[in-house]
PDB file of N, CA and C in Angstrom:
ATOM      1  N   UNK A   1       0.956  -1.307  -0.079  1.00  0.00           N
ATOM      2  CA  UNK A   1      -0.102  -0.101  -0.026  1.00  0.00           C
ATOM      3  C   UNK A   1       0.635   1.242  -0.100  1.00  0.00           C
ATOM      4  N   UNK A   2       0.413   2.361  -0.570  1.00  0.00           N
ATOM      5  CA  UNK A   2       1.207   3.375  -0.734  1.00  0.00           C
ATOM      6  C   UNK A   2       0.725   4.421   0.680  1.00  0.00           C
ATOM      7  N   UNK A   3       1.756   4.760   0.735  1.00  0.00           N
ATOM      8  CA  UNK A   3       1.858   5.980   1.915  1.00  0.00           C
ATOM      9  C   UNK A   3       2.311   7.407   2.073  1.00  0.00           C
ATOM     10  N   UNK A   4       1.804   8.255   2.361  1.00  0.00           N
ATOM     11  CA  UNK A   4       1.875   9.804   2.247  1.00  0.00           C
ATOM     12  C   UNK A   4       2.819  10.071   3.808  1.00  0.00           C
ATOM     13  N   UNK A   5       3.941  10.861   3.355  1.00  0.00           N
ATOM     14  CA  UNK A   5       4.498  11.509   4.690  1.00  0.00           C
ATOM     15  C   UNK A   5       4.248  12.584   4.734  1.00  0.00           C
ATOM     16  N   UNK A   6       4.098  12.714   5.973  1.00  0.00           N
ATOM     17  CA  UNK A   6       3.731  14.116   6.626  1.00  0.00           C
ATOM     18  C   UNK A   6       4.215  15.288   6.787  1.00  0.00           C
ATOM     19  N   UNK A   7       5.626  14.718   6.576  1.00  0.00           N
ATOM     20  CA  UNK A   7       6.440  15.929   5.933  1.00  0.00           C
ATOM     21  C   UNK A   7       6.551  16.373   4.489  1.00  0.00           C
ATOM     22  N   UNK A   8       6.245  15.527   3.909  1.00  0.00           N
ATOM     23  CA  UNK A   8       5.767  15.961   2.534  1.00  0.00           C
ATOM     24  C   UNK A   8       4.826  16.601   1.631  1.00  0.00           C
ATOM     25  N   UNK A   9       4.010  16.495   2.601  1.00  0.00           N
ATOM     26  CA  UNK A   9       2.343  16.544   2.355  1.00  0.00           C
ATOM     27  C   UNK A   9       1.635  17.990   1.774  1.00  0.00           C
ATOM     28  N   UNK A  10       2.841  18.877   2.113  1.00  0.00           N
ATOM     29  CA  UNK A  10       2.322  20.342   1.655  1.00  0.00           C
ATOM     30  C   UNK A  10       3.016  20.829   0.040  1.00  0.00           C
ATOM     31  N   UNK A  11       4.169  19.829  -0.299  1.00  0.00           N
ATOM     32  CA  UNK A  11       4.459  19.870  -1.432  1.00  0.00           C
ATOM     33  C   UNK A  11       3.445  19.508  -2.561  1.00  0.00           C
ATOM     34  N   UNK A  12       2.846  18.476  -2.015  1.00  0.00           N
ATOM     35  CA  UNK A  12       1.586  17.763  -2.643  1.00  0.00           C
ATOM     36  C   UNK A  12       0.535  18.407  -3.258  1.00  0.00           C
ATOM     37  N   UNK A  13       0.299  18.557  -4.852  1.00  0.00           N
ATOM     38  CA  UNK A  13      -0.761  19.314  -5.394  1.00  0.00           C
ATOM     39  C   UNK A  13      -2.067  18.772  -4.462  1.00  0.00           C
ATOM     40  N   UNK A  14      -2.972  19.873  -4.766  1.00  0.00           N
ATOM     41  CA  UNK A  14      -4.432  19.198  -3.846  1.00  0.00           C
ATOM     42  C   UNK A  14      -4.960  18.348  -5.285  1.00  0.00           C
ATOM     43  N   UNK A  15      -4.343  18.158  -6.884  1.00  0.00           N
ATOM     44  CA  UNK A  15      -5.422  17.496  -7.489  1.00  0.00           C
ATOM     45  C   UNK A  15      -4.954  15.966  -6.676  1.00  0.00           C
ATOM     46  N   UNK A  16      -3.581  15.762  -6.822  1.00  0.00           N
ATOM     47  CA  UNK A  16      -2.874  14.814  -6.410  1.00  0.00           C
ATOM     48  C   UNK A  16      -3.255  14.100  -4.735  1.00  0.00           C
ATOM     49  N   UNK A  17      -3.577  14.995  -4.036  1.00  0.00           N
ATOM     50  CA  UNK A  17      -4.178  14.633  -2.630  1.00  0.00           C
ATOM     51  C   UNK A  17      -5.428  13.880  -2.985  1.00  0.00           C
ATOM     52  N   UNK A  18      -6.432  14.594  -3.806  1.00  0.00           N
ATOM     53  CA  UNK A  18      -7.900  14.250  -4.148  1.00  0.00           C
ATOM     54  C   UNK A  18      -7.877  13.087  -4.823  1.00  0.00           C
ATOM     55  N   UNK A  19      -6.869  12.475  -5.656  1.00  0.00           N
ATOM     56  CA  UNK A  19      -6.532  11.137  -5.922  1.00  0.00           C
ATOM     57  C   UNK A  19      -6.495  10.284  -5.289  1.00  0.00           C
ATOM     58  N   UNK A  20      -5.670  10.658  -3.754  1.00  0.00           N
ATOM     59  CA  UNK A  20      -5.469   9.671  -2.625  1.00  0.00           C
ATOM     60  C   UNK A  20      -7.367   9.235  -2.231  1.00  0.00           C
ATOM     61  N   UNK A  21      -7.839  10.216  -2.067  1.00  0.00           N
ATOM     62  CA  UNK A  21      -8.951  10.337  -1.660  1.00  0.00           C
ATOM     63  C   UNK A  21     -10.497   9.118  -2.846  1.00  0.00           C
ATOM     64  N   UNK A  22      -9.647   9.214  -3.941  1.00  0.00           N
ATOM     65  CA  UNK A  22     -10.572   8.619  -4.726  1.00  0.00           C
ATOM     66  C   UNK A  22     -10.111   7.585  -5.164  1.00  0.00           C
ATOM     67  N   UNK A  23      -8.946   6.949  -4.861  1.00  0.00           N
ATOM     68  CA  UNK A  23      -8.405   5.434  -5.155  1.00  0.00           C
ATOM     69  C   UNK A  23      -7.851   5.613  -3.511  1.00  0.00           C
ATOM     70  N   UNK A  24      -8.349   5.436  -2.410  1.00  0.00           N
ATOM     71  CA  UNK A  24      -8.167   5.015  -0.893  1.00  0.00           C
ATOM     72  C   UNK A  24      -7.402   3.608  -0.815  1.00  0.00           C
ATOM     73  N   UNK A  25      -8.189   2.774  -1.681  1.00  0.00           N
ATOM     74  CA  UNK A  25      -7.603   1.548  -1.062  1.00  0.00           C
ATOM     75  C   UNK A  25      -6.310   1.206  -1.309  1.00  0.00           C
ATOM     76  N   UNK A  26      -5.844   1.879  -2.010  1.00  0.00           N
ATOM     77  CA  UNK A  26      -4.254   1.548  -2.671  1.00  0.00           C
ATOM     78  C   UNK A  26      -3.255   2.044  -1.485  1.00  0.00           C
ATOM     79  N   UNK A  27      -4.094   2.925  -0.468  1.00  0.00           N
ATOM     80  CA  UNK A  27      -2.902   3.729   0.699  1.00  0.00           C
ATOM     81  C   UNK A  27      -3.105   3.542   2.039  1.00  0.00           C
ATOM     82  N   UNK A  28      -2.478   3.493   2.580  1.00  0.00           N
ATOM     83  CA  UNK A  28      -2.593   3.217   4.046  1.00  0.00           C
ATOM     84  C   UNK A  28      -3.457   4.194   4.539  1.00  0.00           C
ATOM     85  N   UNK A  29      -4.773   3.722   5.906  1.00  0.00           N
ATOM     86  CA  UNK A  29      -5.610   4.486   5.930  1.00  0.00           C
ATOM     87  C   UNK A  29      -4.985   5.676   6.760  1.00  0.00           C
ATOM     88  N   UNK A  30      -3.709   6.072   7.332  1.00  0.00           N
ATOM     89  CA  UNK A  30      -3.367   7.362   7.723  1.00  0.00           C
ATOM     90  C   UNK A  30      -2.942   8.201   6.680  1.00  0.00           C
ATOM     91  N   UNK A  31      -2.454   7.738   5.501  1.00  0.00           N
ATOM     92  CA  UNK A  31      -2.454   8.649   4.334  1.00  0.00           C
ATOM     93  C   UNK A  31      -3.667   9.041   3.643  1.00  0.00           C
ATOM     94  N   UNK A  32      -4.720   8.575   3.925  1.00  0.00           N
ATOM     95  CA  UNK A  32      -6.070   9.113   3.642  1.00  0.00           C
ATOM     96  C   UNK A  32      -6.148  10.077   4.323  1.00  0.00           C
ATOM     97  N   UNK A  33      -6.405   9.574   5.756  1.00  0.00           N
ATOM     98  CA  UNK A  33      -7.078  11.193   6.797  1.00  0.00           C
ATOM     99  C   UNK A  33      -5.538  12.268   6.377  1.00  0.00           C
ATOM    100  N   UNK A  34      -4.605  11.847   6.019  1.00  0.00           N
ATOM    101  CA  UNK A  34      -3.713  12.956   6.076  1.00  0.00           C
ATOM    102  C   UNK A  34      -3.835  13.773   5.338  1.00  0.00           C
ATOM    103  N   UNK A  35      -4.125  13.187   3.901  1.00  0.00           N
ATOM    104  CA  UNK A  35      -4.631  14.075   2.853  1.00  0.00           C
ATOM    105  C   UNK A  35      -5.888  14.509   2.601  1.00  0.00           C
ATOM    106  N   UNK A  36      -6.740  14.279   3.512  1.00  0.00           N
ATOM    107  CA  UNK A  36      -8.321  14.927   3.723  1.00  0.00           C
ATOM    108  C   UNK A  36      -8.201  15.738   4.272  1.00  0.00           C
ATOM    109  N   UNK A  37      -7.255  15.665   5.616  1.00  0.00           N
ATOM    110  CA  UNK A  37      -6.852  16.757   6.388  1.00  0.00           C
ATOM    111  C   UNK A  37      -6.106  18.007   5.661  1.00  0.00           C
ATOM    112  N   UNK A  38      -5.109  17.849   5.140  1.00  0.00           N
ATOM    113  CA  UNK A  38      -4.699  19.209   3.938  1.00  0.00           C
ATOM    114  C   UNK A  38      -5.697  19.469   3.329  1.00  0.00           C
ATOM    115  N   UNK A  39      -6.479  18.713   2.547  1.00  0.00           N
ATOM    116  CA  UNK A  39      -7.312  19.226   1.501  1.00  0.00           C
ATOM    117  C   UNK A  39      -8.343  20.210   2.475  1.00  0.00           C
ATOM    118  N   UNK A  40      -8.923  19.985   3.673  1.00  0.00           N
ATOM    119  CA  UNK A  40      -9.308  20.754   4.284  1.00  0.00           C
ATOM    120  C   UNK A  40      -8.932  22.026   4.756  1.00  0.00           C
ATOM    121  N   UNK A  41      -7.649  21.820   5.018  1.00  0.00           N
ATOM    122  CA  UNK A  41      -6.973  22.791   5.146  1.00  0.00           C
ATOM    123  C   UNK A  41      -6.559  23.899   4.097  1.00  0.00           C
ATOM    124  N   UNK A  42      -6.766  23.612   3.192  1.00  0.00           N
ATOM    125  CA  UNK A  42      -6.359  24.521   1.845  1.00  0.00           C
ATOM    126  C   UNK A  42      -7.589  24.976   1.344  1.00  0.00           C
ATOM    127  N   UNK A  43      -9.239  24.732   1.806  1.00  0.00           N
ATOM    128  CA  UNK A  43     -10.215  24.922   1.482  1.00  0.00           C
ATOM    129  C   UNK A  43     -10.416  24.412   0.382  1.00  0.00           C
ATOM    130  N   UNK A  44     -10.361  22.999  -0.117  1.00  0.00           N
ATOM    131  CA  UNK A  44     -10.369  22.332  -1.545  1.00  0.00           C
ATOM    132  C   UNK A  44     -12.015  21.958  -1.262  1.00  0.00           C
ATOM    133  N   UNK A  45     -12.673  22.036  -2.771  1.00  0.00           N
ATOM    134  CA  UNK A  45     -14.390  21.863  -2.436  1.00  0.00           C
ATOM    135  C   UNK A  45     -14.369  20.550  -2.128  1.00  0.00           C
ATOM    136  N   UNK A  46     -15.435  20.091  -1.318  1.00  0.00           N
ATOM    137  CA  UNK A  46     -15.899  19.171  -1.043  1.00  0.00           C
ATOM    138  C   UNK A  46     -16.923  18.605  -2.162  1.00  0.00           C
ATOM    139  N   UNK A  47     -16.656  17.767  -2.817  1.00  0.00           N
ATOM    140  CA  UNK A  47     -18.184  17.400  -4.092  1.00  0.00           C
ATOM    141  C   UNK A  47     -18.863  15.940  -3.458  1.00  0.00           C
ATOM    142  N   UNK A  48     -19.906  16.244  -4.262  1.00  0.00           N
ATOM    143  CA  UNK A  48     -20.733  14.821  -3.701  1.00  0.00           C
ATOM    144  C   UNK A  48     -19.880  13.392  -4.057  1.00  0.00           C
ATOM    145  N   UNK A  49     -19.130  13.476  -5.356  1.00  0.00           N
ATOM    146  CA  UNK A  49     -18.590  12.461  -5.446  1.00  0.00           C
ATOM    147  C   UNK A  49     -17.243  12.319  -4.377  1.00  0.00           C
ATOM    148  N   UNK A  50     -16.560  13.721  -3.992  1.00  0.00           N
ATOM    149  CA  UNK A  50     -15.441  13.055  -2.937  1.00  0.00           C
ATOM    150  C   UNK A  50     -16.215  12.745  -1.702  1.00  0.00           C
ATOM    151  N   UNK A  51     -17.272  13.205  -1.397  1.00  0.00           N
ATOM    152  CA  UNK A  51     -18.040  13.029  -0.119  1.00  0.00           C
ATOM    153  C   UNK A  51     -18.663  11.245   0.216  1.00  0.00           C
ATOM    154  N   UNK A  52     -18.695  11.101  -0.795  1.00  0.00           N
ATOM    155  CA  UNK A  52     -19.287  10.004  -0.867  1.00  0.00           C
ATOM    156  C   UNK A  52     -18.089   8.639  -0.629  1.00  0.00           C
ATOM    157  N   UNK A  53     -16.877   9.119  -1.769  1.00  0.00           N
ATOM    158  CA  UNK A  53     -15.681   8.285  -1.398  1.00  0.00           C
ATOM    159  C   UNK A  53     -15.013   8.325   0.037  1.00  0.00           C
ATOM    160  N   UNK A  54     -15.142   9.414   0.915  1.00  0.00           N
ATOM    161  CA  UNK A  54     -14.866   9.323   1.843  1.00  0.00           C
ATOM    162  C   UNK A  54     -16.109   8.813   2.820  1.00  0.00           C
ATOM    163  N   UNK A  55     -16.880   8.432   2.630  1.00  0.00           N
ATOM    164  CA  UNK A  55     -18.228   8.182   3.321  1.00  0.00           C
ATOM    165  C   UNK A  55     -17.595   6.494   3.075  1.00  0.00           C
ATOM    166  N   UNK A  56     -17.579   5.799   2.071  1.00  0.00           N
ATOM    167  CA  UNK A  56     -16.916   4.698   1.645  1.00  0.00           C
ATOM    168  C   UNK A  56     -15.804   3.926   2.634  1.00  0.00           C
ATOM    169  N   UNK A  57     -14.667   5.306   2.643  1.00  0.00           N
ATOM    170  CA  UNK A  57     -13.540   4.826   3.366  1.00  0.00           C
ATOM    171  C   UNK A  57     -13.952   4.855   4.972  1.00  0.00           C
ATOM    172  N   UNK A  58     -14.505   5.748   5.575  1.00  0.00           N
ATOM    173  CA  UNK A  58     -15.354   5.705   6.704  1.00  0.00           C
ATOM    174  C   UNK A  58     -15.645   4.265   7.087  1.00  0.00           C
ATOM    175  N   UNK A  59     -16.672   3.780   6.306  1.00  0.00           N
ATOM    176  CA  UNK A  59     -17.089   2.260   6.504  1.00  0.00           C
ATOM    177  C   UNK A  59     -16.159   1.459   6.846  1.00  0.00           C
ATOM    178  N   UNK A  60     -15.241   1.539   5.962  1.00  0.00           N
ATOM    179  CA  UNK A  60     -14.126   0.371   6.392  1.00  0.00           C
ATOM    180  C   UNK A  60     -13.007   1.084   6.951  1.00  0.00           C
ATOM    181  N   UNK A  61     -13.041   2.049   7.893  1.00  0.00           N
ATOM    182  CA  UNK A  61     -11.456   2.769   8.231  1.00  0.00           C
ATOM    183  C   UNK A  61     -13.145   4.002   9.883  1.00  0.00           C
ATOM    184  N   UNK A  62     -13.568   3.106  10.436  1.00  0.00           N
ATOM    185  CA  UNK A  62     -13.936   4.543  11.620  1.00  0.00           C
ATOM    186  C   UNK A  62     -12.805   5.241  12.368  1.00  0.00           C
ATOM    187  N   UNK A  63     -13.613   6.577  12.170  1.00  0.00           N
ATOM    188  CA  UNK A  63     -12.693   7.366  13.035  1.00  0.00           C
ATOM    189  C   UNK A  63     -12.281   7.145  14.444  1.00  0.00           C
ATOM    190  N   UNK A  64     -11.089   7.217  14.507  1.00  0.00           N
ATOM    191  CA  UNK A  64     -10.449   7.319  15.718  1.00  0.00           C
ATOM    192  C   UNK A  64     -10.717   8.380  16.496  1.00  0.00           C
ATOM    193  N   UNK A  65     -10.395   8.292  18.295  1.00  0.00           N
ATOM    194  CA  UNK A  65     -10.449   9.296  18.722  1.00  0.00           C
ATOM    195  C   UNK A  65      -9.406  10.345  18.784  1.00  0.00           C
ATOM    196  N   UNK A  66      -8.246  10.159  17.979  1.00  0.00           N
ATOM    197  CA  UNK A  66      -7.147  11.412  17.854  1.00  0.00           C
ATOM    198  C   UNK A  66      -7.942  11.895  16.422  1.00  0.00           C
ATOM    199  N   UNK A  67      -8.408  11.332  15.811  1.00  0.00           N
ATOM    200  CA  UNK A  67      -9.191  12.151  14.464  1.00  0.00           C
ATOM    201  C   UNK A  67     -10.112  12.958  14.675  1.00  0.00           C
ATOM    202  N   UNK A  68     -11.267  12.980  15.733  1.00  0.00           N
ATOM    203  CA  UNK A  68     -12.501  13.326  16.278  1.00  0.00           C
ATOM    204  C   UNK A  68     -11.875  14.733  15.701  1.00  0.00           C
ATOM    205  N   UNK A  69     -11.344  15.391  16.476  1.00  0.00           N
ATOM    206  CA  UNK A  69     -10.990  16.828  16.176  1.00  0.00           C
ATOM    207  C   UNK A  69     -10.595  17.171  14.306  1.00  0.00           C
ATOM    208  N   UNK A  70     -10.507  16.365  13.776  1.00  0.00           N
ATOM    209  CA  UNK A  70      -9.690  16.761  12.872  1.00  0.00           C
ATOM    210  C   UNK A  70     -11.102  16.528  11.747  1.00  0.00           C
ATOM    211  N   UNK A  71     -11.644  15.265  11.530  1.00  0.00           N
ATOM    212  CA  UNK A  71     -12.656  15.035  10.539  1.00  0.00           C
ATOM    213  C   UNK A  71     -13.991  15.598  10.975  1.00  0.00           C
TER     214      UNK A  71
END
């Protein structure tokens, strides 16, 4: 599975981060959460398809206590 390092996340384009959400099955769950958090910080628009993918991800990966303030 692919991983995104927190140290490099600011250098990744918003479009590339959105791909992490759409193809979440290819990434470590923590990487998906990091990508989502960064997109929210950037004010990236959350469309219907984007929201659906995050809902699908969350069904398989429930929110942990540490993420509740983030998501």
